[in-house]
Amino acid sequence: MCCPLEAPEGVSELGLGDLDPFGRLRLVADGYGLLSNRATLVDAIDDAIAVRDEFVERHVRAGEPGFRAMWHRMGGRSRFEHRKQWLARNRQRMLEALG
């Protein structure tokens, strides 16, 4: 969320379209003092997004009104899939940004 790591149209919807996600990823890693094996950060991001997506979907399936409204407003499953594809396409750029 600090970077943000998502397709540009998703970032624009959040009002964060001017941010450089790759430079910000490096800042996060530097800020937390992650000095070695930075590729594990990219793996952790993938894992965290998968957990978050499953959490949201579980609440949508349970019929919770707030989650259902957010799900539909944000594009539902297609938004999640689009983000996942963007992350996969940009994995190498993230690794390069981390140095």
Protein backbone atom coordinates (compact mmCIF):
# COMPACT_ATOMS: atom_id res chain seq x y z
CA MET A 1 0.00 0.00 0.00
CA CYS A 2 2.94 2.34 0.56
CA CYS A 3 4.30 1.87 -2.95
CA PRO A 4 1.51 1.17 -4.34
CA LEU A 5 2.06 -1.95 -6.42
CA GLU A 6 -0.84 -2.15 -8.80
CA ALA A 7 -1.72 -1.48 -12.42
CA PRO A 8 -1.66 2.25 -13.21
CA GLU A 9 -5.43 2.53 -13.64
CA GLY A 10 -5.98 1.06 -10.19
CA VAL A 11 -3.49 3.46 -8.68
CA SER A 12 -5.17 6.41 -10.42
CA GLU A 13 -8.52 5.42 -8.92
CA LEU A 14 -6.92 5.74 -5.49
CA GLY A 15 -5.51 9.19 -6.32
CA LEU A 16 -1.93 7.92 -6.25
CA GLY A 17 -1.19 7.92 -9.98
CA ASP A 18 1.88 10.15 -9.75
CA LEU A 19 3.82 7.78 -7.51
CA ASP A 20 6.73 5.68 -8.79
CA PRO A 21 5.93 2.23 -7.38
CA PHE A 22 9.41 0.85 -8.04
CA GLY A 23 11.27 3.73 -6.43
CA ARG A 24 8.90 3.63 -3.48
CA LEU A 25 9.45 -0.13 -3.11
CA ARG A 26 13.15 0.58 -2.76
CA LEU A 27 12.43 3.27 -0.16
CA VAL A 28 10.34 0.82 1.86
CA ALA A 29 13.09 -1.81 1.76
CA ASP A 30 15.73 0.78 2.71
CA GLY A 31 13.52 2.23 5.44
CA TYR A 32 13.10 -1.15 7.07
CA GLY A 33 16.81 -1.87 6.78
CA LEU A 34 16.39 -4.84 4.44
CA LEU A 35 19.97 -5.25 3.34
CA SER A 36 20.23 -8.71 1.81
CA ASN A 37 18.07 -11.16 -0.10
CA ARG A 38 15.61 -8.47 -1.10
CA ALA A 39 13.88 -10.86 -3.49
CA THR A 40 12.13 -12.28 -0.43
CA LEU A 41 10.29 -8.93 -0.13
CA VAL A 42 8.76 -9.45 -3.57
CA ASP A 43 7.72 -12.97 -2.57
CA ALA A 44 6.22 -11.62 0.65
CA ILE A 45 4.26 -9.02 -1.31
CA ASP A 46 2.83 -11.75 -3.54
CA ASP A 47 1.86 -13.79 -0.49
CA ALA A 48 0.30 -10.82 1.32
CA ILE A 49 -1.78 -9.83 -1.69
CA ALA A 50 -3.04 -13.40 -2.09
CA VAL A 51 -4.04 -13.49 1.60
CA ARG A 52 -5.72 -10.08 1.35
CA ASP A 53 -7.63 -11.06 -1.79
CA GLU A 54 -8.86 -14.28 -0.17
CA PHE A 55 -9.91 -12.34 2.95
CA VAL A 56 -11.98 -9.91 0.87
CA GLU A 57 -13.53 -12.68 -1.24
CA ARG A 58 -14.44 -14.67 1.87
CA HIS A 59 -16.33 -11.69 3.27
CA VAL A 60 -18.02 -11.04 -0.08
CA ARG A 61 -19.17 -14.68 -0.26
CA ALA A 62 -20.48 -14.34 3.30
CA GLY A 63 -22.70 -11.52 2.03
CA GLU A 64 -21.22 -8.75 4.18
CA PRO A 65 -22.65 -5.50 2.77
CA GLY A 66 -19.52 -3.34 3.11
CA PHE A 67 -17.30 -5.90 1.41
CA ARG A 68 -19.87 -6.53 -1.32
CA ALA A 69 -20.17 -2.81 -2.04
CA MET A 70 -16.38 -2.40 -2.17
CA TRP A 71 -16.03 -5.51 -4.33
CA HIS A 72 -18.45 -4.17 -6.93
CA ARG A 73 -17.16 -0.59 -6.80
CA MET A 74 -13.54 -1.73 -7.29
CA GLY A 75 -14.21 -4.17 -10.12
CA GLY A 76 -14.46 -7.49 -8.25
CA ARG A 77 -12.49 -10.54 -9.34
CA SER A 78 -11.29 -8.86 -12.55
CA ARG A 79 -9.55 -6.14 -10.51
CA PHE A 80 -7.76 -8.77 -8.43
CA GLU A 81 -6.73 -10.71 -11.53
CA HIS A 82 -5.53 -7.56 -13.28
CA ARG A 83 -3.37 -6.65 -10.26
CA LYS A 84 -1.96 -10.18 -10.13
CA GLN A 85 -1.04 -10.04 -13.83
CA TRP A 86 0.54 -6.60 -13.43
CA LEU A 87 2.65 -7.87 -10.54
CA ALA A 88 3.80 -10.89 -12.55
CA ARG A 89 4.71 -8.71 -15.55
CA ASN A 90 6.61 -6.26 -13.34
CA ARG A 91 8.36 -8.71 -11.02
CA GLN A 92 11.74 -8.17 -12.69
CA ARG A 93 11.36 -4.38 -12.45
CA MET A 94 10.64 -4.74 -8.74
CA LEU A 95 13.74 -6.90 -8.26
CA GLU A 96 15.86 -4.42 -10.22
CA ALA A 97 14.51 -1.51 -8.16
CA LEU A 98 15.53 -3.31 -4.99
CA GLY A 99 19.11 -3.56 -6.25
